[in-house]
């Protein structure tokens, strides 16, 4: 006998929207949506709605936007929905009073093959670390981060030139299918879980300016992976010193040139159309970048109006810079 599911969905960004949309399209009973509170954004500081909220409004789904998940008022509103299953995708850590509420549990979709890459940025770190495969996992939430019993997993390859933007979208669609399969198993009472090992070898730390900075002393492969693992967001960055000027640049599309040379590490080699940086086992060729005060441009367009001299050096400052440009 199939269970009659009443689902609460929790999520915030575009990644979560695709999963919610898939559930709605397949006629699952979504009794409510929980997402982040509206936040001021842009120069006018206008309140910005989350991607999940915008979609939920378009589908006339009930919405809650709690700032405090432990607040009694929020928990009463949540209980009033009388859900028996909760699905979490790219949201916040939940208190036990929330995740333990529904009869059939609360499960999360995580964009890695758990137990590897527990944490906030699993897609980025899989590429940064040069992995050749990753995947998505559904698991029942417990009182720690990404440690609950695994329900299902799906694996996918990571291409040698794949950026985090491409992999994000691939995992988003793979995850939508996995969530549907997971919900069907719960509805049919056929879930068999696997306990996660406590060992945590590879973590997905939150991304900050200091760990997005390019370290030009690393190998060509490591630098290449670091940049593609942060392209397009939040973007790897460096400081460029050119004669008396010093400015910050975010680096996007790049290529590897593995050749022997005698240039000092960080030396920038330019022509009117090209720009590359010397590293210990070759050159990192930069195809697109964004310097402070400029738009994101391909290298040829940037150099046309913003020449960089042969004396310029790409450096790795110890202190992160203000990257709001």
C-alpha atoms as a PDB file:
ATOM      1  CA  UNK A   1       0.000   0.000   0.000  1.00  0.00           C
ATOM      2  CA  UNK A   2       1.415   3.391  -1.032  1.00  0.00           C
ATOM      3  CA  UNK A   3       1.762   6.002   1.677  1.00  0.00           C
ATOM      4  CA  UNK A   4      -0.067   9.309   1.281  1.00  0.00           C
ATOM      5  CA  UNK A   5       2.792  11.823   1.493  1.00  0.00           C
ATOM      6  CA  UNK A   6       2.463  15.417   2.654  1.00  0.00           C
ATOM      7  CA  UNK A   7       5.778  17.072   1.842  1.00  0.00           C
ATOM      8  CA  UNK A   8       7.460  20.216   3.154  1.00  0.00           C
ATOM      9  CA  UNK A   9      10.326  21.395   0.929  1.00  0.00           C
ATOM     10  CA  UNK A  10      13.232  23.469   2.295  1.00  0.00           C
ATOM     11  CA  UNK A  11      15.720  25.247   0.047  1.00  0.00           C
ATOM     12  CA  UNK A  12      16.969  28.593  -1.211  1.00  0.00           C
ATOM     13  CA  UNK A  13      19.076  28.804  -4.454  1.00  0.00           C
ATOM     14  CA  UNK A  14      18.499  27.834  -8.094  1.00  0.00           C
ATOM     15  CA  UNK A  15      19.905  24.362  -7.425  1.00  0.00           C
ATOM     16  CA  UNK A  16      16.981  23.738  -5.060  1.00  0.00           C
ATOM     17  CA  UNK A  17      14.417  25.191  -7.486  1.00  0.00           C
ATOM     18  CA  UNK A  18      15.093  22.469 -10.051  1.00  0.00           C
ATOM     19  CA  UNK A  19      14.397  19.784  -7.452  1.00  0.00           C
ATOM     20  CA  UNK A  20      11.218  21.505  -6.215  1.00  0.00           C
ATOM     21  CA  UNK A  21      10.020  22.007  -9.779  1.00  0.00           C
ATOM     22  CA  UNK A  22      10.547  18.315 -10.508  1.00  0.00           C
ATOM     23  CA  UNK A  23       8.435  17.356  -7.476  1.00  0.00           C
ATOM     24  CA  UNK A  24       5.646  19.738  -8.511  1.00  0.00           C
ATOM     25  CA  UNK A  25       5.754  18.563 -12.145  1.00  0.00           C
ATOM     26  CA  UNK A  26       5.382  14.956 -10.998  1.00  0.00           C
ATOM     27  CA  UNK A  27       2.354  15.901  -8.888  1.00  0.00           C
ATOM     28  CA  UNK A  28       3.766  15.243  -5.436  1.00  0.00           C
ATOM     29  CA  UNK A  29       1.786  16.868  -2.630  1.00  0.00           C
ATOM     30  CA  UNK A  30       3.878  19.869  -1.513  1.00  0.00           C
ATOM     31  CA  UNK A  31       2.024  21.309   1.478  1.00  0.00           C
ATOM     32  CA  UNK A  32       4.544  24.072   2.157  1.00  0.00           C
ATOM     33  CA  UNK A  33       7.923  25.586   1.304  1.00  0.00           C
ATOM     34  CA  UNK A  34      10.518  26.988   3.714  1.00  0.00           C
ATOM     35  CA  UNK A  35      13.184  29.302   2.365  1.00  0.00           C
ATOM     36  CA  UNK A  36      15.516  32.104   3.412  1.00  0.00           C
ATOM     37  CA  UNK A  37      14.208  35.511   4.444  1.00  0.00           C
ATOM     38  CA  UNK A  38      14.278  38.272   1.813  1.00  0.00           C
ATOM     39  CA  UNK A  39      17.594  40.139   1.840  1.00  0.00           C
ATOM     40  CA  UNK A  40      18.578  43.614   0.595  1.00  0.00           C
ATOM     41  CA  UNK A  41      20.748  43.453  -2.513  1.00  0.00           C
ATOM     42  CA  UNK A  42      22.215  45.752  -5.155  1.00  0.00           C
ATOM     43  CA  UNK A  43      22.905  49.453  -5.031  1.00  0.00           C
ATOM     44  CA  UNK A  44      19.334  50.316  -4.170  1.00  0.00           C
ATOM     45  CA  UNK A  45      19.324  47.710  -1.362  1.00  0.00           C
ATOM     46  CA  UNK A  46      15.946  46.446  -2.554  1.00  0.00           C
ATOM     47  CA  UNK A  47      14.698  43.289  -0.877  1.00  0.00           C
ATOM     48  CA  UNK A  48      15.592  40.269  -2.964  1.00  0.00           C
ATOM     49  CA  UNK A  49      13.530  37.066  -2.853  1.00  0.00           C
ATOM     50  CA  UNK A  50      15.252  33.688  -2.972  1.00  0.00           C
ATOM     51  CA  UNK A  51      14.991  31.636  -6.167  1.00  0.00           C
ATOM     52  CA  UNK A  52      12.908  29.064  -4.300  1.00  0.00           C
ATOM     53  CA  UNK A  53      10.491  31.718  -3.035  1.00  0.00           C
ATOM     54  CA  UNK A  54       9.971  33.098  -6.540  1.00  0.00           C
ATOM     55  CA  UNK A  55       9.133  29.657  -7.879  1.00  0.00           C
ATOM     56  CA  UNK A  56       6.902  28.778  -4.896  1.00  0.00           C
ATOM     57  CA  UNK A  57       4.925  31.983  -5.412  1.00  0.00           C
ATOM     58  CA  UNK A  58       4.447  31.115  -9.087  1.00  0.00           C
ATOM     59  CA  UNK A  59       2.918  27.804  -8.003  1.00  0.00           C
ATOM     60  CA  UNK A  60       0.813  29.297  -5.185  1.00  0.00           C
ATOM     61  CA  UNK A  61       2.588  27.157  -2.600  1.00  0.00           C
ATOM     62  CA  UNK A  62       2.427  28.204   1.083  1.00  0.00           C
ATOM     63  CA  UNK A  63       5.733  29.770   2.209  1.00  0.00           C
ATOM     64  CA  UNK A  64       7.502  30.315   5.526  1.00  0.00           C
ATOM     65  CA  UNK A  65      10.691  32.387   5.845  1.00  0.00           C
ATOM     66  CA  UNK A  66      11.910  31.944   9.418  1.00  0.00           C
ATOM     67  CA  UNK A  67      14.946  33.804  10.717  1.00  0.00           C
ATOM     68  CA  UNK A  68      15.053  31.551  13.781  1.00  0.00           C
ATOM     69  CA  UNK A  69      14.333  27.865  13.195  1.00  0.00           C
ATOM     70  CA  UNK A  70      13.992  27.273  16.937  1.00  0.00           C
ATOM     71  CA  UNK A  71      11.329  29.964  17.420  1.00  0.00           C
ATOM     72  CA  UNK A  72       8.119  28.606  18.902  1.00  0.00           C
ATOM     73  CA  UNK A  73       5.994  30.660  16.496  1.00  0.00           C
ATOM     74  CA  UNK A  74       7.731  29.130  13.448  1.00  0.00           C
ATOM     75  CA  UNK A  75       7.494  25.586  14.771  1.00  0.00           C
ATOM     76  CA  UNK A  76       3.762  25.988  15.405  1.00  0.00           C
ATOM     77  CA  UNK A  77       3.251  27.182  11.826  1.00  0.00           C
ATOM     78  CA  UNK A  78       5.306  24.247  10.547  1.00  0.00           C
ATOM     79  CA  UNK A  79       3.311  21.744  12.621  1.00  0.00           C
ATOM     80  CA  UNK A  80       0.072  23.213  11.248  1.00  0.00           C
ATOM     81  CA  UNK A  81       1.030  21.988   7.778  1.00  0.00           C
ATOM     82  CA  UNK A  82       0.804  18.432   9.148  1.00  0.00           C
ATOM     83  CA  UNK A  83       3.616  17.152   6.898  1.00  0.00           C
ATOM     84  CA  UNK A  84       4.866  13.580   7.182  1.00  0.00           C
ATOM     85  CA  UNK A  85       8.028  14.070   5.073  1.00  0.00           C
ATOM     86  CA  UNK A  86      10.509  16.934   4.723  1.00  0.00           C
ATOM     87  CA  UNK A  87      13.007  17.379   1.894  1.00  0.00           C
ATOM     88  CA  UNK A  88      16.017  19.681   2.305  1.00  0.00           C
ATOM     89  CA  UNK A  89      18.134  20.971  -0.591  1.00  0.00           C
ATOM     90  CA  UNK A  90      20.763  23.689  -0.085  1.00  0.00           C
ATOM     91  CA  UNK A  91      19.249  25.170   3.051  1.00  0.00           C
ATOM     92  CA  UNK A  92      20.471  25.513   6.642  1.00  0.00           C
ATOM     93  CA  UNK A  93      21.353  23.155   9.456  1.00  0.00           C
ATOM     94  CA  UNK A  94      18.087  22.199  11.148  1.00  0.00           C
ATOM     95  CA  UNK A  95      17.471  21.803  14.878  1.00  0.00           C
ATOM     96  CA  UNK A  96      16.234  18.372  15.989  1.00  0.00           C
ATOM     97  CA  UNK A  97      12.833  19.846  16.822  1.00  0.00           C
ATOM     98  CA  UNK A  98      12.419  20.483  13.075  1.00  0.00           C
ATOM     99  CA  UNK A  99      14.101  17.508  11.370  1.00  0.00           C
ATOM    100  CA  UNK A 100      12.601  14.961  13.749  1.00  0.00           C
ATOM    101  CA  UNK A 101       9.069  16.308  13.330  1.00  0.00           C
ATOM    102  CA  UNK A 102       7.618  14.351  10.356  1.00  0.00           C
ATOM    103  CA  UNK A 103       6.594  10.698  10.660  1.00  0.00           C
ATOM    104  CA  UNK A 104       8.642   9.522   7.679  1.00  0.00           C
ATOM    105  CA  UNK A 105      11.683  11.659   8.461  1.00  0.00           C
ATOM    106  CA  UNK A 106      13.611  14.493   6.842  1.00  0.00           C
ATOM    107  CA  UNK A 107      16.057  13.771   4.052  1.00  0.00           C
ATOM    108  CA  UNK A 108      18.672  15.936   2.415  1.00  0.00           C
ATOM    109  CA  UNK A 109      20.141  15.995  -1.092  1.00  0.00           C
ATOM    110  CA  UNK A 110      23.910  16.564  -0.994  1.00  0.00           C
ATOM    111  CA  UNK A 111      26.045  17.191  -4.080  1.00  0.00           C
ATOM    112  CA  UNK A 112      28.779  14.641  -3.398  1.00  0.00           C
ATOM    113  CA  UNK A 113      29.267  10.945  -2.856  1.00  0.00           C
ATOM    114  CA  UNK A 114      29.075  10.959   0.925  1.00  0.00           C
ATOM    115  CA  UNK A 115      30.966  10.529   3.184  1.00  0.00           C
ATOM    116  CA  UNK A 116      33.367  12.444   0.923  1.00  0.00           C
ATOM    117  CA  UNK A 117      32.988  16.225   0.740  1.00  0.00           C
ATOM    118  CA  UNK A 118      30.686  16.882   3.639  1.00  0.00           C
ATOM    119  CA  UNK A 119      30.172  20.614   4.021  1.00  0.00           C
ATOM    120  CA  UNK A 120      29.147  23.806   2.264  1.00  0.00           C
ATOM    121  CA  UNK A 121      30.911  23.666  -1.127  1.00  0.00           C
ATOM    122  CA  UNK A 122      31.180  20.040  -2.315  1.00  0.00           C
ATOM    123  CA  UNK A 123      30.957  20.794  -6.044  1.00  0.00           C
ATOM    124  CA  UNK A 124      33.773  23.343  -5.927  1.00  0.00           C
ATOM    125  CA  UNK A 125      36.143  21.213  -3.871  1.00  0.00           C
ATOM    126  CA  UNK A 126      35.697  18.099  -5.992  1.00  0.00           C
ATOM    127  CA  UNK A 127      37.092  20.018  -8.980  1.00  0.00           C
ATOM    128  CA  UNK A 128      39.695  21.967  -6.983  1.00  0.00           C
ATOM    129  CA  UNK A 129      41.082  18.663  -5.707  1.00  0.00           C
ATOM    130  CA  UNK A 130      41.226  17.185  -9.212  1.00  0.00           C
ATOM    131  CA  UNK A 131      38.594  14.486  -8.732  1.00  0.00           C
ATOM    132  CA  UNK A 132      37.520  12.554 -11.822  1.00  0.00           C
ATOM    133  CA  UNK A 133      34.120  11.558 -10.445  1.00  0.00           C
ATOM    134  CA  UNK A 134      31.511  12.825  -8.014  1.00  0.00           C
ATOM    135  CA  UNK A 135      27.764  12.470  -7.599  1.00  0.00           C
ATOM    136  CA  UNK A 136      24.722  13.126  -5.457  1.00  0.00           C
ATOM    137  CA  UNK A 137      23.469  11.502  -2.261  1.00  0.00           C
ATOM    138  CA  UNK A 138      20.161  11.448  -0.414  1.00  0.00           C
ATOM    139  CA  UNK A 139      20.347  10.744   3.319  1.00  0.00           C
ATOM    140  CA  UNK A 140      18.211  11.093   6.420  1.00  0.00           C
ATOM    141  CA  UNK A 141      19.248  14.103   8.491  1.00  0.00           C
ATOM    142  CA  UNK A 142      20.620  13.568  11.984  1.00  0.00           C
ATOM    143  CA  UNK A 143      22.142  15.902  14.577  1.00  0.00           C
ATOM    144  CA  UNK A 144      25.450  16.444  12.716  1.00  0.00           C
ATOM    145  CA  UNK A 145      26.308  17.896   9.313  1.00  0.00           C
ATOM    146  CA  UNK A 146      25.934  15.499   6.353  1.00  0.00           C
ATOM    147  CA  UNK A 147      26.448  12.372   8.490  1.00  0.00           C
ATOM    148  CA  UNK A 148      23.028  10.675   8.378  1.00  0.00           C
ATOM    149  CA  UNK A 149      22.139   7.275   6.965  1.00  0.00           C
ATOM    150  CA  UNK A 150      22.467   7.141   3.177  1.00  0.00           C
ATOM    151  CA  UNK A 151      19.366   6.311   1.140  1.00  0.00           C
ATOM    152  CA  UNK A 152      20.553   6.509  -2.490  1.00  0.00           C
ATOM    153  CA  UNK A 153      23.545   7.705  -4.517  1.00  0.00           C
ATOM    154  CA  UNK A 154      24.204   8.416  -8.195  1.00  0.00           C
ATOM    155  CA  UNK A 155      27.678   8.880  -9.670  1.00  0.00           C
ATOM    156  CA  UNK A 156      28.892  10.986 -12.605  1.00  0.00           C
ATOM    157  CA  UNK A 157      32.257  11.687 -14.241  1.00  0.00           C
ATOM    158  CA  UNK A 158      33.996  15.057 -14.031  1.00  0.00           C
ATOM    159  CA  UNK A 159      35.500  16.144 -17.349  1.00  0.00           C
ATOM    160  CA  UNK A 160      39.112  17.359 -17.449  1.00  0.00           C
ATOM    161  CA  UNK A 161      38.000  20.833 -18.565  1.00  0.00           C
ATOM    162  CA  UNK A 162      34.711  20.958 -16.659  1.00  0.00           C
ATOM    163  CA  UNK A 163      34.081  24.071 -14.573  1.00  0.00           C
ATOM    164  CA  UNK A 164      32.061  24.227 -11.391  1.00  0.00           C
ATOM    165  CA  UNK A 165      29.271  25.958 -13.322  1.00  0.00           C
ATOM    166  CA  UNK A 166      28.919  23.027 -15.712  1.00  0.00           C
ATOM    167  CA  UNK A 167      29.185  20.415 -12.960  1.00  0.00           C
ATOM    168  CA  UNK A 168      26.669  22.318 -10.797  1.00  0.00           C
ATOM    169  CA  UNK A 169      24.010  22.039 -13.509  1.00  0.00           C
ATOM    170  CA  UNK A 170      24.814  18.380 -14.194  1.00  0.00           C
ATOM    171  CA  UNK A 171      24.455  17.486 -10.502  1.00  0.00           C
ATOM    172  CA  UNK A 172      21.321  19.609 -10.194  1.00  0.00           C
ATOM    173  CA  UNK A 173      19.476  17.493 -12.773  1.00  0.00           C
ATOM    174  CA  UNK A 174      20.980  14.251 -11.490  1.00  0.00           C
ATOM    175  CA  UNK A 175      19.856  15.265  -8.006  1.00  0.00           C
ATOM    176  CA  UNK A 176      16.298  15.978  -9.144  1.00  0.00           C
ATOM    177  CA  UNK A 177      16.005  12.412 -10.438  1.00  0.00           C
ATOM    178  CA  UNK A 178      17.528  10.996  -7.264  1.00  0.00           C
ATOM    179  CA  UNK A 179      15.063  12.900  -5.077  1.00  0.00           C
ATOM    180  CA  UNK A 180      12.134  11.515  -7.075  1.00  0.00           C
ATOM    181  CA  UNK A 181      13.490   7.982  -6.671  1.00  0.00           C
ATOM    182  CA  UNK A 182      13.976   8.571  -2.940  1.00  0.00           C
ATOM    183  CA  UNK A 183      10.442   9.899  -2.451  1.00  0.00           C
ATOM    184  CA  UNK A 184       9.034   6.884  -4.321  1.00  0.00           C
ATOM    185  CA  UNK A 185      10.933   4.496  -2.044  1.00  0.00           C
ATOM    186  CA  UNK A 186       9.606   6.304   1.048  1.00  0.00           C
ATOM    187  CA  UNK A 187       6.065   6.269  -0.350  1.00  0.00           C
ATOM    188  CA  UNK A 188       6.319   2.514  -0.948  1.00  0.00           C
ATOM    189  CA  UNK A 189       8.040   1.875   2.420  1.00  0.00           C
ATOM    190  CA  UNK A 190      10.996   0.257   0.629  1.00  0.00           C
ATOM    191  CA  UNK A 191      13.889   2.360   1.947  1.00  0.00           C
ATOM    192  CA  UNK A 192      17.043   0.486   2.947  1.00  0.00           C
ATOM    193  CA  UNK A 193      19.683   2.805   4.399  1.00  0.00           C
ATOM    194  CA  UNK A 194      23.454   2.518   4.711  1.00  0.00           C
ATOM    195  CA  UNK A 195      25.247   3.915   7.736  1.00  0.00           C
ATOM    196  CA  UNK A 196      28.012   6.381   6.924  1.00  0.00           C
ATOM    197  CA  UNK A 197      31.513   5.702   8.235  1.00  0.00           C
ATOM    198  CA  UNK A 198      32.759   8.283  10.723  1.00  0.00           C
ATOM    199  CA  UNK A 199      35.958   8.811   8.714  1.00  0.00           C
ATOM    200  CA  UNK A 200      36.101  12.181   6.967  1.00  0.00           C
ATOM    201  CA  UNK A 201      39.036  12.322   4.563  1.00  0.00           C
ATOM    202  CA  UNK A 202      37.891  15.026   2.168  1.00  0.00           C
ATOM    203  CA  UNK A 203      35.854  17.998   3.350  1.00  0.00           C
ATOM    204  CA  UNK A 204      34.053  20.774   1.496  1.00  0.00           C
ATOM    205  CA  UNK A 205      34.979  23.825   3.550  1.00  0.00           C
ATOM    206  CA  UNK A 206      33.020  27.024   3.055  1.00  0.00           C
ATOM    207  CA  UNK A 207      34.599  29.311   0.468  1.00  0.00           C
ATOM    208  CA  UNK A 208      36.174  32.568   1.633  1.00  0.00           C
ATOM    209  CA  UNK A 209      38.512  35.054  -0.088  1.00  0.00           C
ATOM    210  CA  UNK A 210      41.569  33.427   1.492  1.00  0.00           C
ATOM    211  CA  UNK A 211      40.910  29.962   0.028  1.00  0.00           C
ATOM    212  CA  UNK A 212      39.873  31.354  -3.368  1.00  0.00           C
ATOM    213  CA  UNK A 213      43.224  33.149  -3.746  1.00  0.00           C
ATOM    214  CA  UNK A 214      45.523  31.659  -6.404  1.00  0.00           C
ATOM    215  CA  UNK A 215      48.810  30.285  -5.077  1.00  0.00           C
ATOM    216  CA  UNK A 216      51.169  30.639  -8.029  1.00  0.00           C
ATOM    217  CA  UNK A 217      53.820  28.444  -6.341  1.00  0.00           C
ATOM    218  CA  UNK A 218      51.650  25.341  -6.823  1.00  0.00           C
ATOM    219  CA  UNK A 219      51.824  23.031  -9.855  1.00  0.00           C
ATOM    220  CA  UNK A 220      50.234  23.959 -13.184  1.00  0.00           C
ATOM    221  CA  UNK A 221      47.582  21.251 -12.733  1.00  0.00           C
ATOM    222  CA  UNK A 222      46.744  22.386  -9.190  1.00  0.00           C
ATOM    223  CA  UNK A 223      46.339  26.020 -10.252  1.00  0.00           C
ATOM    224  CA  UNK A 224      44.254  25.028 -13.280  1.00  0.00           C
ATOM    225  CA  UNK A 225      41.947  22.890 -11.127  1.00  0.00           C
ATOM    226  CA  UNK A 226      41.667  25.640  -8.521  1.00  0.00           C
ATOM    227  CA  UNK A 227      40.509  28.172 -11.108  1.00  0.00           C
ATOM    228  CA  UNK A 228      38.010  25.916 -12.899  1.00  0.00           C
ATOM    229  CA  UNK A 229      36.689  24.794  -9.518  1.00  0.00           C
ATOM    230  CA  UNK A 230      35.733  28.407  -8.785  1.00  0.00           C
ATOM    231  CA  UNK A 231      34.497  29.413 -12.257  1.00  0.00           C
ATOM    232  CA  UNK A 232      32.075  31.164 -12.426  1.00  0.00           C
ATOM    233  CA  UNK A 233      31.417  31.502  -8.723  1.00  0.00           C
ATOM    234  CA  UNK A 234      32.900  32.791  -6.501  1.00  0.00           C
ATOM    235  CA  UNK A 235      35.950  33.009  -8.844  1.00  0.00           C
ATOM    236  CA  UNK A 236      39.630  32.535  -8.142  1.00  0.00           C
ATOM    237  CA  UNK A 237      41.576  35.763  -7.701  1.00  0.00           C
ATOM    238  CA  UNK A 238      45.065  37.185  -7.645  1.00  0.00           C
ATOM    239  CA  UNK A 239      46.892  40.487  -7.234  1.00  0.00           C
ATOM    240  CA  UNK A 240      48.752  41.901 -10.239  1.00  0.00           C
ATOM    241  CA  UNK A 241      51.617  44.334  -9.663  1.00  0.00           C
ATOM    242  CA  UNK A 242      52.422  46.385 -12.746  1.00  0.00           C
ATOM    243  CA  UNK A 243      55.167  49.014 -12.238  1.00  0.00           C
ATOM    244  CA  UNK A 244      53.680  51.453  -9.709  1.00  0.00           C
ATOM    245  CA  UNK A 245      50.171  50.017  -9.949  1.00  0.00           C
ATOM    246  CA  UNK A 246      48.638  47.131  -8.063  1.00  0.00           C
ATOM    247  CA  UNK A 247      45.174  45.755  -8.717  1.00  0.00           C
ATOM    248  CA  UNK A 248      43.074  42.668  -8.073  1.00  0.00           C
ATOM    249  CA  UNK A 249      41.835  40.362 -10.812  1.00  0.00           C
ATOM    250  CA  UNK A 250      39.356  37.481 -10.840  1.00  0.00           C
ATOM    251  CA  UNK A 251      40.367  34.736 -13.265  1.00  0.00           C
ATOM    252  CA  UNK A 252      37.795  32.684 -15.202  1.00  0.00           C
ATOM    253  CA  UNK A 253      38.579  30.760 -18.406  1.00  0.00           C
ATOM    254  CA  UNK A 254      42.104  29.367 -18.541  1.00  0.00           C
ATOM    255  CA  UNK A 255      44.241  26.775 -20.327  1.00  0.00           C
ATOM    256  CA  UNK A 256      47.441  24.918 -19.500  1.00  0.00           C
ATOM    257  CA  UNK A 257      50.727  25.220 -21.378  1.00  0.00           C
ATOM    258  CA  UNK A 258      53.102  22.604 -20.000  1.00  0.00           C
ATOM    259  CA  UNK A 259      56.551  23.713 -21.212  1.00  0.00           C
ATOM    260  CA  UNK A 260      59.972  24.244 -19.681  1.00  0.00           C
ATOM    261  CA  UNK A 261      60.990  27.882 -19.105  1.00  0.00           C
ATOM    262  CA  UNK A 262      63.327  30.008 -17.001  1.00  0.00           C
ATOM    263  CA  UNK A 263      60.821  32.693 -15.974  1.00  0.00           C
ATOM    264  CA  UNK A 264      60.330  33.544 -12.316  1.00  0.00           C
ATOM    265  CA  UNK A 265      57.101  32.202 -10.832  1.00  0.00           C
ATOM    266  CA  UNK A 266      54.305  34.743 -11.275  1.00  0.00           C
ATOM    267  CA  UNK A 267      55.899  36.509 -14.245  1.00  0.00           C
ATOM    268  CA  UNK A 268      53.234  37.733 -16.653  1.00  0.00           C
ATOM    269  CA  UNK A 269      53.936  37.284 -20.358  1.00  0.00           C
ATOM    270  CA  UNK A 270      51.748  39.354 -22.663  1.00  0.00           C
ATOM    271  CA  UNK A 271      51.205  40.220 -26.292  1.00  0.00           C
ATOM    272  CA  UNK A 272      48.486  42.494 -27.669  1.00  0.00           C
ATOM    273  CA  UNK A 273      46.079  39.543 -27.590  1.00  0.00           C
ATOM    274  CA  UNK A 274      47.346  37.064 -24.991  1.00  0.00           C
ATOM    275  CA  UNK A 275      48.244  36.874 -21.325  1.00  0.00           C
ATOM    276  CA  UNK A 276      49.849  34.030 -19.440  1.00  0.00           C
ATOM    277  CA  UNK A 277      51.489  33.537 -16.055  1.00  0.00           C
ATOM    278  CA  UNK A 278      54.659  31.555 -15.460  1.00  0.00           C
ATOM    279  CA  UNK A 279      54.435  28.718 -12.943  1.00  0.00           C
ATOM    280  CA  UNK A 280      57.037  26.117 -12.044  1.00  0.00           C
ATOM    281  CA  UNK A 281      56.069  23.581 -14.715  1.00  0.00           C
ATOM    282  CA  UNK A 282      54.649  25.761 -17.487  1.00  0.00           C
ATOM    283  CA  UNK A 283      52.306  28.664 -18.112  1.00  0.00           C
ATOM    284  CA  UNK A 284      48.715  29.294 -17.081  1.00  0.00           C
ATOM    285  CA  UNK A 285      47.070  30.896 -20.114  1.00  0.00           C
ATOM    286  CA  UNK A 286      44.276  33.298 -19.174  1.00  0.00           C
ATOM    287  CA  UNK A 287      41.401  33.607 -21.656  1.00  0.00           C
ATOM    288  CA  UNK A 288      39.008  35.740 -19.589  1.00  0.00           C
ATOM    289  CA  UNK A 289      39.296  37.822 -16.435  1.00  0.00           C
ATOM    290  CA  UNK A 290      37.800  40.701 -14.503  1.00  0.00           C
ATOM    291  CA  UNK A 291      40.019  43.386 -13.049  1.00  0.00           C
ATOM    292  CA  UNK A 292      38.787  45.785 -10.385  1.00  0.00           C
ATOM    293  CA  UNK A 293      36.628  48.494 -11.893  1.00  0.00           C
ATOM    294  CA  UNK A 294      36.163  46.636 -15.200  1.00  0.00           C
ATOM    295  CA  UNK A 295      33.672  44.201 -16.675  1.00  0.00           C
ATOM    296  CA  UNK A 296      34.413  40.523 -17.187  1.00  0.00           C
ATOM    297  CA  UNK A 297      36.196  40.453 -20.548  1.00  0.00           C
ATOM    298  CA  UNK A 298      38.106  38.102 -22.786  1.00  0.00           C
ATOM    299  CA  UNK A 299      41.836  38.757 -22.590  1.00  0.00           C
ATOM    300  CA  UNK A 300      42.134  40.405 -26.013  1.00  0.00           C
ATOM    301  CA  UNK A 301      39.342  42.898 -25.225  1.00  0.00           C
ATOM    302  CA  UNK A 302      40.806  43.715 -21.813  1.00  0.00           C
ATOM    303  CA  UNK A 303      44.330  44.301 -23.122  1.00  0.00           C
ATOM    304  CA  UNK A 304      42.972  46.529 -25.881  1.00  0.00           C
ATOM    305  CA  UNK A 305      41.947  49.156 -23.308  1.00  0.00           C
ATOM    306  CA  UNK A 306      43.913  48.079 -20.250  1.00  0.00           C
ATOM    307  CA  UNK A 307      47.456  47.140 -21.276  1.00  0.00           C
ATOM    308  CA  UNK A 308      49.537  45.064 -18.864  1.00  0.00           C
ATOM    309  CA  UNK A 309      53.303  45.416 -19.204  1.00  0.00           C
ATOM    310  CA  UNK A 310      55.962  42.713 -19.441  1.00  0.00           C
ATOM    311  CA  UNK A 311      57.171  43.834 -15.988  1.00  0.00           C
ATOM    312  CA  UNK A 312      53.912  42.799 -14.334  1.00  0.00           C
ATOM    313  CA  UNK A 313      53.855  40.066 -11.692  1.00  0.00           C
ATOM    314  CA  UNK A 314      50.933  37.956 -10.475  1.00  0.00           C
ATOM    315  CA  UNK A 315      51.254  37.551  -6.714  1.00  0.00           C
ATOM    316  CA  UNK A 316      49.536  35.689  -3.896  1.00  0.00           C
ATOM    317  CA  UNK A 317      48.975  38.195  -1.070  1.00  0.00           C
ATOM    318  CA  UNK A 318      48.663  36.740   2.413  1.00  0.00           C
ATOM    319  CA  UNK A 319      45.767  39.020   3.330  1.00  0.00           C
ATOM    320  CA  UNK A 320      42.560  38.715   1.275  1.00  0.00           C
ATOM    321  CA  UNK A 321      41.454  41.827  -0.574  1.00  0.00           C
ATOM    322  CA  UNK A 322      38.030  43.365  -0.893  1.00  0.00           C
ATOM    323  CA  UNK A 323      36.620  41.477  -3.857  1.00  0.00           C
ATOM    324  CA  UNK A 324      33.356  43.380  -4.264  1.00  0.00           C
ATOM    325  CA  UNK A 325      33.971  44.469  -7.842  1.00  0.00           C
END
